[in-house]
């Protein structure tokens, strides 16, 4: 409100055009809730692209709020937008591309109003996956994260909220990588890459941005499968898609002895969690095929 006070002092404040911060946030939440409520509807291709970009912009703006409910709604929107069974393949392709590359480049769209690189969606997902929390205004600030940060956990309510956002971020990443695995050629038609180059670039750029190895982070979640099976399940899903698409991921998995770690998670899944068992088995199958025929990846 400081800016409004200064404008009023200068005589430039108008009550006719003033929109309160609460009203702005309410409008963002209303639009995001509409996205969640409507789900998949048949639309013309141009309308799908337009609506997908608008929904992504709204989700990005919600992640930049300092309110817990707004950030949660933003992440839930991204979960929906990257799921082709909920919003359709076209929308999921655009949303997944933004998550993995930071770009929504679509040669059929000449709309400069949507600058995906400025939304910070990929950075927000990586911050939550790698560090379990967002920086100020939803920004990704590498210097503000530390494994030994005594304030990392914060208030118990904030800790629970961050754990929920972390799980949602894993779900978004798992969805996006699944789209790359199953619709990779269509996703890459938007740009000029191959599915393997998108996956390789994502791994490389994520380490540059976060200063942490994403493969190592995902495997650490599998090590904690007994305590957090849902996080482990989503991490296994991410690993399976990455190893299926990326030669770098398969090489790194071998270096980190991923197969042994996933085998332990599989045993936990067999005892306690069917989804964890299923996703862990997929990863082991992929890694086994890699060992049997290292020159030919299981899936391209």
Protein backbone atom coordinates (compact mmCIF):
# COMPACT_ATOMS: atom_id res chain seq x y z
CA UNK A 1 0.00 0.00 0.00
CA UNK A 2 3.03 2.32 0.24
CA UNK A 3 2.83 3.13 -3.48
CA UNK A 4 -0.85 4.03 -3.16
CA UNK A 5 -0.09 6.33 -0.22
CA UNK A 6 2.61 8.11 -2.21
CA UNK A 7 0.24 8.44 -5.18
CA UNK A 8 -2.42 9.91 -2.89
CA UNK A 9 0.09 12.43 -1.51
CA UNK A 10 0.84 13.49 -5.08
CA UNK A 11 -2.85 13.69 -5.91
CA UNK A 12 -2.51 10.89 -8.45
CA UNK A 13 -4.52 8.25 -6.62
CA UNK A 14 -7.91 7.30 -8.11
CA UNK A 15 -10.46 5.26 -6.21
CA UNK A 16 -12.16 4.44 -9.53
CA UNK A 17 -9.19 2.46 -10.88
CA UNK A 18 -7.84 1.13 -7.56
CA UNK A 19 -7.91 -2.65 -7.14
CA UNK A 20 -6.92 -3.94 -3.71
CA UNK A 21 -4.28 -6.62 -3.32
CA UNK A 22 -6.92 -8.90 -1.82
CA UNK A 23 -9.14 -8.45 -4.88
CA UNK A 24 -6.23 -9.17 -7.22
CA UNK A 25 -5.36 -12.37 -5.38
CA UNK A 26 -9.03 -13.38 -5.24
CA UNK A 27 -9.22 -13.00 -9.04
CA UNK A 28 -6.08 -15.12 -9.53
CA UNK A 29 -7.50 -17.80 -7.23
CA UNK A 30 -10.89 -17.70 -9.00
CA UNK A 31 -9.28 -18.23 -12.41
CA UNK A 32 -7.07 -21.00 -11.10
CA UNK A 33 -10.04 -22.72 -9.48
CA UNK A 34 -11.86 -22.55 -12.82
CA UNK A 35 -8.93 -24.36 -14.41
CA UNK A 36 -9.10 -27.05 -11.73
CA UNK A 37 -12.89 -27.34 -11.94
CA UNK A 38 -13.37 -27.51 -15.70
CA UNK A 39 -10.72 -30.13 -16.42
CA UNK A 40 -10.61 -31.44 -19.99
CA UNK A 41 -13.02 -30.02 -22.57
CA UNK A 42 -12.95 -30.36 -26.36
CA UNK A 43 -11.66 -27.11 -27.87
CA UNK A 44 -10.14 -25.80 -31.07
CA UNK A 45 -6.36 -26.08 -31.15
CA UNK A 46 -5.79 -22.33 -30.97
CA UNK A 47 -8.10 -22.03 -27.97
CA UNK A 48 -6.31 -24.88 -26.20
CA UNK A 49 -2.94 -23.18 -26.63
CA UNK A 50 -4.32 -19.82 -25.53
CA UNK A 51 -5.99 -21.27 -22.44
CA UNK A 52 -2.94 -23.37 -21.54
CA UNK A 53 -0.66 -20.33 -21.65
CA UNK A 54 -3.11 -18.26 -19.61
CA UNK A 55 -3.45 -21.04 -17.02
CA UNK A 56 0.34 -21.37 -16.78
CA UNK A 57 0.70 -17.62 -16.29
CA UNK A 58 -1.88 -17.72 -13.49
CA UNK A 59 -0.16 -20.69 -11.83
CA UNK A 60 3.19 -18.87 -12.00
CA UNK A 61 1.69 -15.75 -10.43
CA UNK A 62 0.20 -17.82 -7.60
CA UNK A 63 3.60 -19.36 -6.84
CA UNK A 64 5.01 -15.86 -6.38
CA UNK A 65 2.50 -15.03 -3.64
CA UNK A 66 3.59 -15.28 -0.02
CA UNK A 67 0.30 -16.92 1.01
CA UNK A 68 0.39 -20.66 1.63
CA UNK A 69 -3.01 -21.31 0.02
CA UNK A 70 -2.06 -19.41 -3.14
CA UNK A 71 1.16 -21.37 -3.60
CA UNK A 72 -0.66 -24.64 -2.99
CA UNK A 73 -3.29 -23.73 -5.58
CA UNK A 74 -0.55 -22.83 -8.06
CA UNK A 75 1.15 -26.20 -7.63
CA UNK A 76 -2.15 -28.08 -7.83
CA UNK A 77 -2.90 -26.23 -11.08
CA UNK A 78 0.45 -27.34 -12.51
CA UNK A 79 -0.31 -30.94 -11.49
CA UNK A 80 -3.52 -30.72 -13.48
CA UNK A 81 -2.00 -28.93 -16.47
CA UNK A 82 0.79 -31.51 -16.91
CA UNK A 83 -1.59 -34.48 -16.71
CA UNK A 84 -2.88 -35.41 -20.20
CA UNK A 85 -5.67 -37.53 -18.73
CA UNK A 86 -7.10 -34.45 -17.02
CA UNK A 87 -6.55 -31.57 -19.44
CA UNK A 88 -5.73 -33.30 -22.72
CA UNK A 89 -2.48 -34.00 -24.54
CA UNK A 90 -2.16 -30.55 -26.16
CA UNK A 91 -2.29 -28.69 -22.86
CA UNK A 92 -0.02 -31.22 -21.15
CA UNK A 93 2.56 -30.88 -23.94
CA UNK A 94 2.77 -27.11 -23.50
CA UNK A 95 2.83 -27.26 -19.69
CA UNK A 96 5.41 -30.07 -19.64
CA UNK A 97 7.64 -28.18 -22.02
CA UNK A 98 7.56 -25.15 -19.71
CA UNK A 99 8.47 -27.37 -16.74
CA UNK A 100 11.36 -29.11 -18.54
CA UNK A 101 12.79 -26.34 -20.72
CA UNK A 102 11.45 -23.13 -19.23
CA UNK A 103 10.03 -22.26 -22.65
CA UNK A 104 6.57 -22.48 -24.18
CA UNK A 105 7.82 -21.92 -27.73
CA UNK A 106 5.08 -22.83 -30.11
CA UNK A 107 5.62 -22.03 -33.75
CA UNK A 108 1.87 -21.80 -34.36
CA UNK A 109 1.51 -19.05 -31.74
CA UNK A 110 2.76 -15.51 -32.31
CA UNK A 111 1.71 -14.20 -28.91
CA UNK A 112 4.41 -12.14 -27.20
CA UNK A 113 2.27 -11.58 -24.11
CA UNK A 114 3.34 -14.90 -22.62
CA UNK A 115 7.02 -14.93 -21.62
CA UNK A 116 7.45 -18.42 -20.14
CA UNK A 117 11.10 -17.78 -19.33
CA UNK A 118 10.01 -15.01 -16.98
CA UNK A 119 7.38 -17.06 -15.18
CA UNK A 120 9.95 -19.02 -13.19
CA UNK A 121 7.91 -22.23 -13.20
CA UNK A 122 10.87 -24.53 -13.89
CA UNK A 123 12.91 -22.74 -11.22
CA UNK A 124 10.10 -23.10 -8.67
CA UNK A 125 9.73 -26.83 -9.38
CA UNK A 126 13.48 -27.39 -9.02
CA UNK A 127 13.65 -25.35 -5.82
CA UNK A 128 10.90 -27.46 -4.25
CA UNK A 129 12.26 -30.78 -5.51
CA UNK A 130 15.89 -30.08 -4.60
CA UNK A 131 15.49 -28.01 -1.43
CA UNK A 132 11.92 -28.53 -0.30
CA UNK A 133 10.93 -24.86 -0.26
CA UNK A 134 10.57 -21.72 -2.35
CA UNK A 135 12.53 -18.51 -2.00
CA UNK A 136 10.96 -15.10 -1.50
CA UNK A 137 8.18 -14.29 -4.00
CA UNK A 138 8.49 -17.83 -5.35
CA UNK A 139 11.90 -17.01 -6.77
CA UNK A 140 14.72 -19.52 -7.09
CA UNK A 141 17.68 -18.11 -5.16
CA UNK A 142 20.53 -20.59 -5.02
CA UNK A 143 22.45 -18.64 -2.38
CA UNK A 144 19.48 -18.75 0.00
CA UNK A 145 19.48 -22.54 0.23
CA UNK A 146 21.79 -24.59 2.38
CA UNK A 147 21.62 -28.15 3.62
CA UNK A 148 22.73 -26.86 7.04
CA UNK A 149 20.35 -23.90 7.15
CA UNK A 150 18.89 -23.82 10.65
CA UNK A 151 15.84 -21.92 9.37
CA UNK A 152 15.11 -24.45 6.64
CA UNK A 153 12.30 -26.12 8.56
CA UNK A 154 10.73 -23.01 10.15
CA UNK A 155 7.43 -23.14 12.00
CA UNK A 156 5.72 -26.57 12.11
CA UNK A 157 2.85 -25.26 9.96
CA UNK A 158 5.33 -23.93 7.42
CA UNK A 159 7.22 -27.21 7.50
CA UNK A 160 4.05 -29.21 6.77
CA UNK A 161 3.16 -26.78 4.00
CA UNK A 162 6.62 -27.09 2.41
CA UNK A 163 6.45 -30.88 2.59
CA UNK A 164 3.12 -30.77 0.75
CA UNK A 165 4.53 -28.40 -1.90
CA UNK A 166 7.56 -30.66 -2.26
CA UNK A 167 5.31 -33.64 -2.94
CA UNK A 168 3.25 -31.63 -5.45
CA UNK A 169 6.45 -30.51 -7.21
CA UNK A 170 7.56 -34.14 -7.51
CA UNK A 171 4.14 -34.94 -9.00
CA UNK A 172 4.46 -32.10 -11.54
CA UNK A 173 7.96 -33.24 -12.53
CA UNK A 174 6.82 -36.86 -12.77
CA UNK A 175 3.91 -35.80 -15.00
CA UNK A 176 6.14 -33.70 -17.26
CA UNK A 177 8.74 -36.47 -17.64
CA UNK A 178 5.97 -38.98 -18.34
CA UNK A 179 4.71 -36.72 -21.13
CA UNK A 180 8.27 -36.57 -22.50
CA UNK A 181 8.51 -40.36 -22.33
CA UNK A 182 5.17 -41.08 -23.97
CA UNK A 183 4.67 -38.05 -26.23
CA UNK A 184 8.28 -36.99 -26.70
CA UNK A 185 8.18 -36.53 -30.45
CA UNK A 186 5.12 -34.28 -30.26
CA UNK A 187 6.62 -32.27 -27.40
CA UNK A 188 9.78 -31.74 -29.43
CA UNK A 189 7.81 -30.65 -32.50
CA UNK A 190 7.24 -27.40 -30.61
CA UNK A 191 10.99 -26.79 -30.70
CA UNK A 192 13.80 -28.39 -32.64
CA UNK A 193 15.15 -30.92 -30.12
CA UNK A 194 14.90 -34.65 -29.67
CA UNK A 195 13.40 -36.23 -26.52
CA UNK A 196 16.86 -37.35 -25.39
CA UNK A 197 18.34 -33.87 -25.84
CA UNK A 198 15.47 -32.32 -23.83
CA UNK A 199 16.10 -34.79 -20.99
CA UNK A 200 19.89 -34.33 -21.12
CA UNK A 201 19.55 -30.53 -21.12
CA UNK A 202 17.09 -30.64 -18.24
CA UNK A 203 19.51 -32.66 -16.11
CA UNK A 204 22.45 -30.44 -16.97
CA UNK A 205 20.64 -27.14 -16.50
CA UNK A 206 18.98 -28.27 -13.26
CA UNK A 207 22.41 -28.95 -11.75
CA UNK A 208 23.70 -25.58 -12.95
CA UNK A 209 20.74 -23.75 -11.40
CA UNK A 210 20.52 -25.66 -8.13
CA UNK A 211 24.13 -26.68 -7.64
CA UNK A 212 22.86 -30.18 -6.84
CA UNK A 213 22.63 -33.42 -8.79
CA UNK A 214 18.94 -34.12 -9.50
CA UNK A 215 19.56 -37.86 -9.91
CA UNK A 216 21.17 -37.98 -6.47
CA UNK A 217 18.23 -36.08 -4.97
CA UNK A 218 15.68 -38.48 -6.48
CA UNK A 219 17.63 -41.49 -5.26
CA UNK A 220 17.77 -40.01 -1.75
CA UNK A 221 13.96 -40.04 -1.74
CA UNK A 222 14.02 -43.73 -2.60
CA UNK A 223 16.37 -44.34 0.31
CA UNK A 224 13.63 -42.87 2.54
CA UNK A 225 10.90 -45.03 1.02
CA UNK A 226 9.99 -46.57 4.38
CA UNK A 227 9.26 -43.16 5.94
CA UNK A 228 7.85 -41.36 2.87
CA UNK A 229 6.54 -43.88 0.33
CA UNK A 230 4.56 -41.29 -1.67
CA UNK A 231 7.64 -39.13 -2.30
CA UNK A 232 9.59 -42.29 -3.14
CA UNK A 233 6.93 -43.40 -5.63
CA UNK A 234 7.01 -40.10 -7.49
CA UNK A 235 10.82 -40.08 -7.43
CA UNK A 236 10.88 -43.57 -8.92
CA UNK A 237 8.50 -42.42 -11.65
CA UNK A 238 10.82 -39.48 -12.42
CA UNK A 239 13.87 -41.76 -12.50
CA UNK A 240 12.18 -44.26 -14.80
CA UNK A 241 11.27 -41.59 -17.33
CA UNK A 242 14.68 -39.89 -17.15
CA UNK A 243 16.57 -43.15 -17.62
CA UNK A 244 14.27 -44.09 -20.47
CA UNK A 245 14.98 -40.85 -22.33
CA UNK A 246 18.47 -39.74 -21.32
CA UNK A 247 21.80 -41.43 -21.91
CA UNK A 248 23.34 -39.08 -19.32
CA UNK A 249 20.75 -40.20 -16.76
CA UNK A 250 21.50 -43.86 -17.44
CA UNK A 251 25.23 -43.25 -17.07
CA UNK A 252 24.71 -41.31 -13.85
CA UNK A 253 22.37 -43.98 -12.49
CA UNK A 254 25.08 -46.58 -12.99
CA UNK A 255 27.66 -44.39 -11.22
CA UNK A 256 25.33 -43.88 -8.25
CA UNK A 257 24.49 -47.62 -8.04
CA UNK A 258 20.84 -46.73 -8.54
CA UNK A 259 19.75 -50.30 -9.16
CA UNK A 260 20.61 -51.39 -5.62
CA UNK A 261 18.82 -48.38 -4.12
CA UNK A 262 15.72 -48.94 -6.22
CA UNK A 263 15.77 -52.65 -5.34
CA UNK A 264 15.53 -51.74 -1.66
CA UNK A 265 12.64 -49.40 -2.41
CA UNK A 266 10.98 -52.19 -4.39
CA UNK A 267 11.13 -54.45 -1.35
CA UNK A 268 9.49 -51.72 0.74
CA UNK A 269 6.81 -51.38 -1.93
CA UNK A 270 6.15 -55.11 -1.99
CA UNK A 271 5.43 -54.95 1.74
CA UNK A 272 3.56 -51.68 2.03
CA UNK A 273 2.79 -49.77 -1.18
CA UNK A 274 1.61 -51.15 -4.53
CA UNK A 275 2.36 -47.94 -6.47
CA UNK A 276 5.90 -47.80 -5.12
CA UNK A 277 6.38 -51.43 -6.08
CA UNK A 278 5.11 -50.80 -9.61
CA UNK A 279 7.26 -47.71 -10.27
CA UNK A 280 10.37 -49.25 -8.71
CA UNK A 281 9.98 -52.34 -10.87
CA UNK A 282 9.78 -50.13 -13.97
CA UNK A 283 13.06 -48.44 -13.05
CA UNK A 284 14.79 -51.77 -12.46
CA UNK A 285 13.50 -53.10 -15.79
CA UNK A 286 14.85 -50.02 -17.58
CA UNK A 287 18.24 -50.23 -15.87
CA UNK A 288 18.48 -53.96 -16.56
CA UNK A 289 17.81 -53.41 -20.25
CA UNK A 290 20.51 -50.75 -20.23
CA UNK A 291 23.01 -53.21 -18.81
CA UNK A 292 22.05 -55.88 -21.34
CA UNK A 293 22.27 -53.52 -24.33
CA UNK A 294 24.07 -50.29 -23.35
CA UNK A 295 24.29 -49.06 -26.94
CA UNK A 296 20.53 -49.10 -27.45
CA UNK A 297 18.42 -47.35 -24.81
CA UNK A 298 15.14 -49.01 -23.77
CA UNK A 299 13.10 -46.16 -25.21
CA UNK A 300 13.67 -43.14 -27.39
